[in-house]
PDB file of N, CA and C in Angstrom:
ATOM      1  N   MET A   1      10.775-103.654 -87.182  1.00  0.00           N
ATOM      2  CA  MET A   1       9.760-104.225 -86.319  1.00  0.00           C
ATOM      3  C   MET A   1       8.434-103.508 -86.826  1.00  0.00           C
ATOM      4  N   ASN A   2       7.406-104.350 -87.020  1.00  0.00           N
ATOM      5  CA  ASN A   2       6.082-103.775 -87.460  1.00  0.00           C
ATOM      6  C   ASN A   2       5.093-103.526 -86.367  1.00  0.00           C
ATOM      7  N   ALA A   3       4.051-103.029 -86.476  1.00  0.00           N
ATOM      8  CA  ALA A   3       3.029-102.636 -85.481  1.00  0.00           C
ATOM      9  C   ALA A   3       2.524-103.851 -84.780  1.00  0.00           C
ATOM     10  N   THR A   4       2.393-104.888 -85.402  1.00  0.00           N
ATOM     11  CA  THR A   4       1.933-106.117 -84.641  1.00  0.00           C
ATOM     12  C   THR A   4       2.860-106.749 -83.707  1.00  0.00           C
ATOM     13  N   ASP A   5       4.184-106.385 -83.926  1.00  0.00           N
ATOM     14  CA  ASP A   5       5.210-106.909 -83.044  1.00  0.00           C
ATOM     15  C   ASP A   5       5.084-106.256 -81.617  1.00  0.00           C
ATOM     16  N   THR A   6       4.476-105.043 -81.510  1.00  0.00           N
ATOM     17  CA  THR A   6       4.462-104.442 -80.184  1.00  0.00           C
ATOM     18  C   THR A   6       2.925-104.508 -79.685  1.00  0.00           C
ATOM     19  N   SER A   7       2.061-105.185 -80.384  1.00  0.00           N
ATOM     20  CA  SER A   7       0.676-105.239 -79.895  1.00  0.00           C
ATOM     21  C   SER A   7       0.606-106.180 -78.678  1.00  0.00           C
ATOM     22  N   ALA A   8      -0.481-106.049 -77.946  1.00  0.00           N
ATOM     23  CA  ALA A   8      -0.709-106.890 -76.811  1.00  0.00           C
ATOM     24  C   ALA A   8      -0.847-108.356 -77.280  1.00  0.00           C
ATOM     25  N   ALA A   9      -1.472-108.615 -78.331  1.00  0.00           N
ATOM     26  CA  ALA A   9      -1.743-109.923 -78.895  1.00  0.00           C
ATOM     27  C   ALA A   9      -0.438-110.631 -79.090  1.00  0.00           C
ATOM     28  N   ALA A  10       0.569-109.918 -79.629  1.00  0.00           N
ATOM     29  CA  ALA A  10       1.855-110.515 -80.065  1.00  0.00           C
ATOM     30  C   ALA A  10       2.636-110.876 -78.825  1.00  0.00           C
ATOM     31  N   ARG A  11       2.422-110.158 -77.723  1.00  0.00           N
ATOM     32  CA  ARG A  11       3.187-110.460 -76.513  1.00  0.00           C
ATOM     33  C   ARG A  11       2.661-111.674 -75.741  1.00  0.00           C
ATOM     34  N   ILE A  12       1.440-112.089 -75.976  1.00  0.00           N
ATOM     35  CA  ILE A  12       0.828-113.215 -75.321  1.00  0.00           C
ATOM     36  C   ILE A  12       1.197-114.558 -76.208  1.00  0.00           C
ATOM     37  N   GLU A  13       1.855-115.454 -75.530  1.00  0.00           N
ATOM     38  CA  GLU A  13       2.149-116.723 -76.215  1.00  0.00           C
ATOM     39  C   GLU A  13       0.841-117.409 -76.483  1.00  0.00           C
ATOM     40  N   PRO A  14       0.857-118.214 -77.659  1.00  0.00           N
ATOM     41  CA  PRO A  14      -0.330-119.061 -77.986  1.00  0.00           C
ATOM     42  C   PRO A  14      -0.978-119.865 -76.829  1.00  0.00           C
ATOM     43  N   PRO A  15      -0.187-120.551 -75.993  1.00  0.00           N
ATOM     44  CA  PRO A  15      -0.744-121.338 -74.909  1.00  0.00           C
ATOM     45  C   PRO A  15      -1.524-120.281 -73.897  1.00  0.00           C
ATOM     46  N   ALA A  16      -0.929-119.178 -73.724  1.00  0.00           N
ATOM     47  CA  ALA A  16      -1.567-118.111 -72.784  1.00  0.00           C
ATOM     48  C   ALA A  16      -2.861-117.684 -73.382  1.00  0.00           C
ATOM     49  N   ALA A  17      -2.770-117.332 -74.618  1.00  0.00           N
ATOM     50  CA  ALA A  17      -4.041-116.915 -75.317  1.00  0.00           C
ATOM     51  C   ALA A  17      -5.086-118.028 -75.292  1.00  0.00           C
ATOM     52  N   MET A  18      -4.722-119.248 -75.488  1.00  0.00           N
ATOM     53  CA  MET A  18      -5.713-120.393 -75.400  1.00  0.00           C
ATOM     54  C   MET A  18      -6.340-120.413 -74.074  1.00  0.00           C
ATOM     55  N   MET A  19      -5.562-120.343 -73.032  1.00  0.00           N
ATOM     56  CA  MET A  19      -6.003-120.431 -71.703  1.00  0.00           C
ATOM     57  C   MET A  19      -6.866-119.260 -71.435  1.00  0.00           C
ATOM     58  N   LEU A  20      -6.579-118.050 -71.766  1.00  0.00           N
ATOM     59  CA  LEU A  20      -7.427-116.885 -71.479  1.00  0.00           C
ATOM     60  C   LEU A  20      -8.724-117.032 -72.211  1.00  0.00           C
ATOM     61  N   ARG A  21      -8.798-117.590 -73.553  1.00  0.00           N
ATOM     62  CA  ARG A  21     -10.060-117.814 -74.222  1.00  0.00           C
ATOM     63  C   ARG A  21     -10.925-118.896 -73.432  1.00  0.00           C
ATOM     64  N   GLU A  22     -10.280-119.832 -72.976  1.00  0.00           N
ATOM     65  CA  GLU A  22     -11.084-120.785 -72.249  1.00  0.00           C
ATOM     66  C   GLU A  22     -11.574-120.228 -70.904  1.00  0.00           C
ATOM     67  N   ARG A  23     -10.793-119.457 -70.346  1.00  0.00           N
ATOM     68  CA  ARG A  23     -11.240-118.782 -68.971  1.00  0.00           C
ATOM     69  C   ARG A  23     -12.374-117.709 -69.337  1.00  0.00           C
ATOM     70  N   CYS A  24     -12.316-117.040 -70.545  1.00  0.00           N
ATOM     71  CA  CYS A  24     -13.403-116.133 -70.906  1.00  0.00           C
ATOM     72  C   CYS A  24     -14.569-116.941 -71.170  1.00  0.00           C
ATOM     73  N   MET A  25     -14.546-118.012 -71.806  1.00  0.00           N
ATOM     74  CA  MET A  25     -15.706-118.935 -72.099  1.00  0.00           C
ATOM     75  C   MET A  25     -16.409-119.352 -70.811  1.00  0.00           C
ATOM     76  N   GLY A  26     -15.492-119.730 -69.831  1.00  0.00           N
ATOM     77  CA  GLY A  26     -16.107-120.105 -68.523  1.00  0.00           C
ATOM     78  C   GLY A  26     -16.905-118.917 -67.938  1.00  0.00           C
ATOM     79  N   ILE A  27     -16.530-117.776 -68.080  1.00  0.00           N
ATOM     80  CA  ILE A  27     -17.369-116.585 -67.596  1.00  0.00           C
ATOM     81  C   ILE A  27     -18.627-116.525 -68.483  1.00  0.00           C
ATOM     82  N   PHE A  28     -18.566-116.519 -69.774  1.00  0.00           N
ATOM     83  CA  PHE A  28     -19.664-116.369 -70.555  1.00  0.00           C
ATOM     84  C   PHE A  28     -20.725-117.594 -70.435  1.00  0.00           C
ATOM     85  N   LYS A  29     -20.274-118.747 -69.993  1.00  0.00           N
ATOM     86  CA  LYS A  29     -21.168-119.818 -69.647  1.00  0.00           C
ATOM     87  C   LYS A  29     -22.069-119.551 -68.407  1.00  0.00           C
ATOM     88  N   GLU A  30     -21.487-118.645 -67.580  1.00  0.00           N
ATOM     89  CA  GLU A  30     -22.164-118.254 -66.398  1.00  0.00           C
ATOM     90  C   GLU A  30     -22.988-116.958 -66.508  1.00  0.00           C
ATOM     91  N   ARG A  31     -22.581-116.076 -67.366  1.00  0.00           N
ATOM     92  CA  ARG A  31     -23.321-114.747 -67.419  1.00  0.00           C
ATOM     93  C   ARG A  31     -22.849-114.036 -68.704  1.00  0.00           C
ATOM     94  N   ASP A  32     -23.628-113.076 -69.125  1.00  0.00           N
ATOM     95  CA  ASP A  32     -23.383-112.087 -70.294  1.00  0.00           C
ATOM     96  C   ASP A  32     -22.435-111.033 -69.534  1.00  0.00           C
ATOM     97  N   CYS A  33     -21.420-110.687 -70.281  1.00  0.00           N
ATOM     98  CA  CYS A  33     -20.489-109.563 -69.855  1.00  0.00           C
ATOM     99  C   CYS A  33     -19.976-108.665 -70.896  1.00  0.00           C
ATOM    100  N   THR A  34     -19.549-107.575 -70.447  1.00  0.00           N
ATOM    101  CA  THR A  34     -18.720-106.692 -71.284  1.00  0.00           C
ATOM    102  C   THR A  34     -17.240-107.239 -71.273  1.00  0.00           C
ATOM    103  N   ALA A  35     -16.401-106.767 -72.114  1.00  0.00           N
ATOM    104  CA  ALA A  35     -14.995-107.112 -72.097  1.00  0.00           C
ATOM    105  C   ALA A  35     -14.343-106.694 -70.905  1.00  0.00           C
ATOM    106  N   ASP A  36     -14.798-105.444 -70.403  1.00  0.00           N
ATOM    107  CA  ASP A  36     -14.109-104.965 -69.125  1.00  0.00           C
ATOM    108  C   ASP A  36     -14.601-105.874 -67.949  1.00  0.00           C
ATOM    109  N   GLU A  37     -15.876-106.288 -67.952  1.00  0.00           N
ATOM    110  CA  GLU A  37     -16.304-107.040 -66.953  1.00  0.00           C
ATOM    111  C   GLU A  37     -15.543-108.480 -66.805  1.00  0.00           C
ATOM    112  N   VAL A  38     -15.316-108.997 -67.989  1.00  0.00           N
ATOM    113  CA  VAL A  38     -14.605-110.298 -68.162  1.00  0.00           C
ATOM    114  C   VAL A  38     -13.228-110.031 -67.518  1.00  0.00           C
ATOM    115  N   ALA A  39     -12.535-108.931 -67.950  1.00  0.00           N
ATOM    116  CA  ALA A  39     -11.208-108.628 -67.544  1.00  0.00           C
ATOM    117  C   ALA A  39     -11.141-108.503 -65.921  1.00  0.00           C
ATOM    118  N   THR A  40     -12.219-107.817 -65.445  1.00  0.00           N
ATOM    119  CA  THR A  40     -12.295-107.660 -63.879  1.00  0.00           C
ATOM    120  C   THR A  40     -12.422-109.089 -63.320  1.00  0.00           C
ATOM    121  N   LEU A  41     -13.397-109.870 -63.744  1.00  0.00           N
ATOM    122  CA  LEU A  41     -13.706-111.151 -63.117  1.00  0.00           C
ATOM    123  C   LEU A  41     -12.471-112.065 -63.228  1.00  0.00           C
ATOM    124  N   LEU A  42     -11.610-111.916 -64.303  1.00  0.00           N
ATOM    125  CA  LEU A  42     -10.398-112.790 -64.365  1.00  0.00           C
ATOM    126  C   LEU A  42      -9.248-112.138 -63.821  1.00  0.00           C
ATOM    127  N   SER A  43      -9.378-110.944 -63.243  1.00  0.00           N
ATOM    128  CA  SER A  43      -8.173-110.200 -62.738  1.00  0.00           C
ATOM    129  C   SER A  43      -7.010-110.117 -63.883  1.00  0.00           C
ATOM    130  N   ALA A  44      -7.514-109.842 -65.081  1.00  0.00           N
ATOM    131  CA  ALA A  44      -6.630-109.798 -66.178  1.00  0.00           C
ATOM    132  C   ALA A  44      -6.688-108.331 -66.903  1.00  0.00           C
ATOM    133  N   SER A  45      -5.670-108.107 -67.672  1.00  0.00           N
ATOM    134  CA  SER A  45      -5.621-106.774 -68.276  1.00  0.00           C
ATOM    135  C   SER A  45      -6.745-106.813 -69.431  1.00  0.00           C
ATOM    136  N   ILE A  46      -7.403-105.595 -69.582  1.00  0.00           N
ATOM    137  CA  ILE A  46      -8.262-105.463 -70.688  1.00  0.00           C
ATOM    138  C   ILE A  46      -7.595-105.723 -72.003  1.00  0.00           C
ATOM    139  N   LEU A  47      -6.294-105.248 -72.103  1.00  0.00           N
ATOM    140  CA  LEU A  47      -5.520-105.486 -73.315  1.00  0.00           C
ATOM    141  C   LEU A  47      -5.249-106.940 -73.688  1.00  0.00           C
ATOM    142  N   ALA A  48      -5.301-107.783 -72.645  1.00  0.00           N
ATOM    143  CA  ALA A  48      -5.133-109.260 -73.034  1.00  0.00           C
ATOM    144  C   ALA A  48      -6.580-109.834 -73.233  1.00  0.00           C
ATOM    145  N   ILE A  49      -7.596-109.237 -72.736  1.00  0.00           N
ATOM    146  CA  ILE A  49      -8.915-109.839 -72.810  1.00  0.00           C
ATOM    147  C   ILE A  49      -9.587-109.434 -74.175  1.00  0.00           C
ATOM    148  N   ARG A  50      -9.501-108.200 -74.586  1.00  0.00           N
ATOM    149  CA  ARG A  50     -10.154-107.750 -75.873  1.00  0.00           C
ATOM    150  C   ARG A  50      -9.859-108.650 -76.988  1.00  0.00           C
ATOM    151  N   PRO A  51      -8.570-109.020 -77.232  1.00  0.00           N
ATOM    152  CA  PRO A  51      -8.248-109.861 -78.420  1.00  0.00           C
ATOM    153  C   PRO A  51      -8.943-111.280 -78.233  1.00  0.00           C
ATOM    154  N   ARG A  52      -9.061-111.669 -77.140  1.00  0.00           N
ATOM    155  CA  ARG A  52      -9.655-113.113 -76.756  1.00  0.00           C
ATOM    156  C   ARG A  52     -11.170-112.983 -77.131  1.00  0.00           C
ATOM    157  N   ILE A  53     -11.764-111.754 -76.762  1.00  0.00           N
ATOM    158  CA  ILE A  53     -13.274-111.572 -77.087  1.00  0.00           C
ATOM    159  C   ILE A  53     -13.490-111.633 -78.658  1.00  0.00           C
ATOM    160  N   SER A  54     -12.534-110.939 -79.226  1.00  0.00           N
ATOM    161  CA  SER A  54     -12.629-110.913 -80.734  1.00  0.00           C
ATOM    162  C   SER A  54     -12.467-112.267 -81.361  1.00  0.00           C
ATOM    163  N   GLU A  55     -11.501-113.077 -80.866  1.00  0.00           N
ATOM    164  CA  GLU A  55     -11.286-114.358 -81.273  1.00  0.00           C
ATOM    165  C   GLU A  55     -12.625-115.279 -81.115  1.00  0.00           C
ATOM    166  N   LEU A  56     -13.204-115.091 -79.911  1.00  0.00           N
ATOM    167  CA  LEU A  56     -14.380-115.918 -79.603  1.00  0.00           C
ATOM    168  C   LEU A  56     -15.498-115.596 -80.401  1.00  0.00           C
ATOM    169  N   ARG A  57     -15.619-114.231 -80.716  1.00  0.00           N
ATOM    170  CA  ARG A  57     -16.661-113.786 -81.655  1.00  0.00           C
ATOM    171  C   ARG A  57     -16.389-114.312 -83.107  1.00  0.00           C
ATOM    172  N   SER A  58     -15.227-114.265 -83.567  1.00  0.00           N
ATOM    173  CA  SER A  58     -14.825-114.814 -84.897  1.00  0.00           C
ATOM    174  C   SER A  58     -15.128-116.331 -85.027  1.00  0.00           C
ATOM    175  N   LEU A  59     -14.911-116.959 -83.870  1.00  0.00           N
ATOM    176  CA  LEU A  59     -15.188-118.433 -83.873  1.00  0.00           C
ATOM    177  C   LEU A  59     -16.718-118.720 -83.799  1.00  0.00           C
ATOM    178  N   GLY A  60     -17.500-117.648 -83.484  1.00  0.00           N
ATOM    179  CA  GLY A  60     -18.943-117.878 -83.545  1.00  0.00           C
ATOM    180  C   GLY A  60     -19.510-118.460 -82.190  1.00  0.00           C
ATOM    181  N   VAL A  61     -18.697-118.411 -81.118  1.00  0.00           N
ATOM    182  CA  VAL A  61     -19.208-119.003 -79.838  1.00  0.00           C
ATOM    183  C   VAL A  61     -19.816-117.859 -78.953  1.00  0.00           C
ATOM    184  N   ILE A  62     -19.529-116.561 -79.227  1.00  0.00           N
ATOM    185  CA  ILE A  62     -20.247-115.571 -78.586  1.00  0.00           C
ATOM    186  C   ILE A  62     -20.728-114.517 -79.577  1.00  0.00           C
ATOM    187  N   ARG A  63     -21.745-113.680 -79.168  1.00  0.00           N
ATOM    188  CA  ARG A  63     -22.255-112.719 -80.066  1.00  0.00           C
ATOM    189  C   ARG A  63     -22.754-111.463 -79.273  1.00  0.00           C
ATOM    190  N   ASP A  64     -22.982-110.482 -79.979  1.00  0.00           N
ATOM    191  CA  ASP A  64     -23.429-109.165 -79.357  1.00  0.00           C
ATOM    192  C   ASP A  64     -24.841-109.378 -78.926  1.00  0.00           C
ATOM    193  N   SER A  65     -25.140-109.229 -77.746  1.00  0.00           N
ATOM    194  CA  SER A  65     -26.468-109.429 -77.076  1.00  0.00           C
ATOM    195  C   SER A  65     -27.471-108.333 -77.451  1.00  0.00           C
ATOM    196  N   LEU A  66     -26.924-107.161 -78.025  1.00  0.00           N
ATOM    197  CA  LEU A  66     -27.669-106.035 -78.405  1.00  0.00           C
ATOM    198  C   LEU A  66     -27.876-105.191 -77.186  1.00  0.00           C
ATOM    199  N   LYS A  67     -27.403-105.601 -75.902  1.00  0.00           N
ATOM    200  CA  LYS A  67     -27.454-104.782 -74.699  1.00  0.00           C
ATOM    201  C   LYS A  67     -26.103-104.052 -74.659  1.00  0.00           C
ATOM    202  N   ARG A  68     -26.265-102.937 -74.003  1.00  0.00           N
ATOM    203  CA  ARG A  68     -24.929-102.125 -73.648  1.00  0.00           C
ATOM    204  C   ARG A  68     -24.957-101.747 -72.223  1.00  0.00           C
ATOM    205  N   ARG A  69     -23.770-101.683 -71.582  1.00  0.00           N
ATOM    206  CA  ARG A  69     -23.499-101.249 -70.265  1.00  0.00           C
ATOM    207  C   ARG A  69     -22.285-100.377 -70.297  1.00  0.00           C
ATOM    208  N   PRO A  70     -22.189 -99.467 -69.398  1.00  0.00           N
ATOM    209  CA  PRO A  70     -20.890 -98.610 -69.410  1.00  0.00           C
ATOM    210  C   PRO A  70     -19.695 -99.441 -68.977  1.00  0.00           C
ATOM    211  N   ASN A  71     -18.759 -99.140 -69.747  1.00  0.00           N
ATOM    212  CA  ASN A  71     -17.282 -99.773 -69.349  1.00  0.00           C
ATOM    213  C   ASN A  71     -16.578 -98.862 -68.372  1.00  0.00           C
ATOM    214  N   ASP A  72     -15.392 -99.302 -68.147  1.00  0.00           N
ATOM    215  CA  ASP A  72     -14.577 -98.518 -67.088  1.00  0.00           C
ATOM    216  C   ASP A  72     -14.313 -96.989 -67.422  1.00  0.00           C
ATOM    217  N   SER A  73     -14.398 -96.800 -68.704  1.00  0.00           N
ATOM    218  CA  SER A  73     -14.082 -95.433 -69.152  1.00  0.00           C
ATOM    219  C   SER A  73     -15.520 -94.575 -69.252  1.00  0.00           C
ATOM    220  N   GLY A  74     -16.539 -95.233 -68.924  1.00  0.00           N
ATOM    221  CA  GLY A  74     -17.876 -94.609 -69.022  1.00  0.00           C
ATOM    222  C   GLY A  74     -18.616 -94.662 -70.382  1.00  0.00           C
ATOM    223  N   HIS A  75     -17.879 -95.182 -71.336  1.00  0.00           N
ATOM    224  CA  HIS A  75     -18.679 -95.404 -72.657  1.00  0.00           C
ATOM    225  C   HIS A  75     -19.567 -96.597 -72.612  1.00  0.00           C
ATOM    226  N   LYS A  76     -20.505 -96.627 -73.517  1.00  0.00           N
ATOM    227  CA  LYS A  76     -21.282 -97.829 -73.700  1.00  0.00           C
ATOM    228  C   LYS A  76     -20.462 -98.919 -74.311  1.00  0.00           C
ATOM    229  N   ALA A  77     -20.611-100.081 -73.752  1.00  0.00           N
ATOM    230  CA  ALA A  77     -19.780-101.359 -74.248  1.00  0.00           C
ATOM    231  C   ALA A  77     -20.786-102.399 -74.488  1.00  0.00           C
ATOM    232  N   ILE A  78     -20.376-103.136 -75.658  1.00  0.00           N
ATOM    233  CA  ILE A  78     -21.136-104.300 -75.983  1.00  0.00           C
ATOM    234  C   ILE A  78     -21.250-105.311 -74.783  1.00  0.00           C
ATOM    235  N   VAL A  79     -22.482-105.865 -74.607  1.00  0.00           N
ATOM    236  CA  VAL A  79     -22.497-106.946 -73.602  1.00  0.00           C
ATOM    237  C   VAL A  79     -22.600-108.277 -74.470  1.00  0.00           C
ATOM    238  N   TRP A  80     -21.565-109.136 -74.235  1.00  0.00           N
ATOM    239  CA  TRP A  80     -21.418-110.365 -75.082  1.00  0.00           C
ATOM    240  C   TRP A  80     -22.143-111.494 -74.454  1.00  0.00           C
ATOM    241  N   GLU A  81     -22.766-112.391 -75.261  1.00  0.00           N
ATOM    242  CA  GLU A  81     -23.484-113.547 -74.784  1.00  0.00           C
ATOM    243  C   GLU A  81     -22.954-114.717 -75.505  1.00  0.00           C
ATOM    244  N   ILE A  82     -23.102-115.856 -74.844  1.00  0.00           N
ATOM    245  CA  ILE A  82     -22.667-117.174 -75.504  1.00  0.00           C
ATOM    246  C   ILE A  82     -23.768-117.512 -76.558  1.00  0.00           C
ATOM    247  N   VAL A  83     -23.370-118.075 -77.674  1.00  0.00           N
ATOM    248  CA  VAL A  83     -24.204-118.559 -78.715  1.00  0.00           C
ATOM    249  C   VAL A  83     -24.722-119.928 -78.267  1.00  0.00           C
ATOM    250  N   PRO A  84     -26.062-119.997 -78.163  1.00  0.00           N
ATOM    251  CA  PRO A  84     -26.524-121.349 -77.728  1.00  0.00           C
ATOM    252  C   PRO A  84     -26.267-122.307 -78.841  1.00  0.00           C
ATOM    253  N   ILE A  85     -25.974-123.590 -78.327  1.00  0.00           N
ATOM    254  CA  ILE A  85     -25.775-124.758 -79.249  1.00  0.00           C
ATOM    255  C   ILE A  85     -27.245-125.270 -79.561  1.00  0.00           C
ATOM    256  N   THR A  86     -27.412-125.306 -80.901  1.00  0.00           N
ATOM    257  CA  THR A  86     -28.686-125.784 -81.411  1.00  0.00           C
ATOM    258  C   THR A  86     -28.721-127.260 -81.553  1.00  0.00           C
ATOM    259  N   GLU A  87     -29.846-127.883 -81.245  1.00  0.00           N
ATOM    260  CA  GLU A  87     -29.995-129.321 -81.457  1.00  0.00           C
ATOM    261  C   GLU A  87     -29.982-129.570 -82.982  1.00  0.00           C
ATOM    262  N   PRO A  88     -29.237-130.627 -83.463  1.00  0.00           N
ATOM    263  CA  PRO A  88     -29.374-131.000 -84.807  1.00  0.00           C
ATOM    264  C   PRO A  88     -30.746-131.507 -85.025  1.00  0.00           C
ATOM    265  N   GLU A  89     -31.273-131.198 -86.314  1.00  0.00           N
ATOM    266  CA  GLU A  89     -32.545-131.806 -86.675  1.00  0.00           C
ATOM    267  C   GLU A  89     -32.433-133.239 -86.955  1.00  0.00           C
ATOM    268  N   LEU A  90     -33.380-133.995 -86.464  1.00  0.00           N
ATOM    269  CA  LEU A  90     -33.445-135.464 -86.646  1.00  0.00           C
ATOM    270  C   LEU A  90     -34.252-135.758 -87.880  1.00  0.00           C
ATOM    271  N   PHE A  91     -33.779-136.401 -88.834  1.00  0.00           N
ATOM    272  CA  PHE A  91     -34.460-136.781 -90.081  1.00  0.00           C
ATOM    273  C   PHE A  91     -35.007-138.180 -89.899  1.00  0.00           C
ATOM    274  N   VAL A  92     -36.264-138.366 -90.160  1.00  0.00           N
ATOM    275  CA  VAL A  92     -36.855-139.749 -90.054  1.00  0.00           C
ATOM    276  C   VAL A  92     -36.915-140.327 -91.340  1.00  0.00           C
TER     277      VAL A  92
END
């Protein structure tokens, strides 16, 4: 058994991960949040939310807002924000 077999991400089935990503996106559409704040708002484990935040960042749909707020452990945490969808340029 390797390290990823015991990770929180490996224990979440793909449909559950997809659902959590969608729920996280719903939160980000309403407000900017830290990962801990998202977990609290969704009544979910931070261990299930952190990988979803990383996935959303990798997909380019959220970004670091450059703001920081204390997380549950008192450390400064990134406040994530949704990446605005830009209007395509119209060529005449």
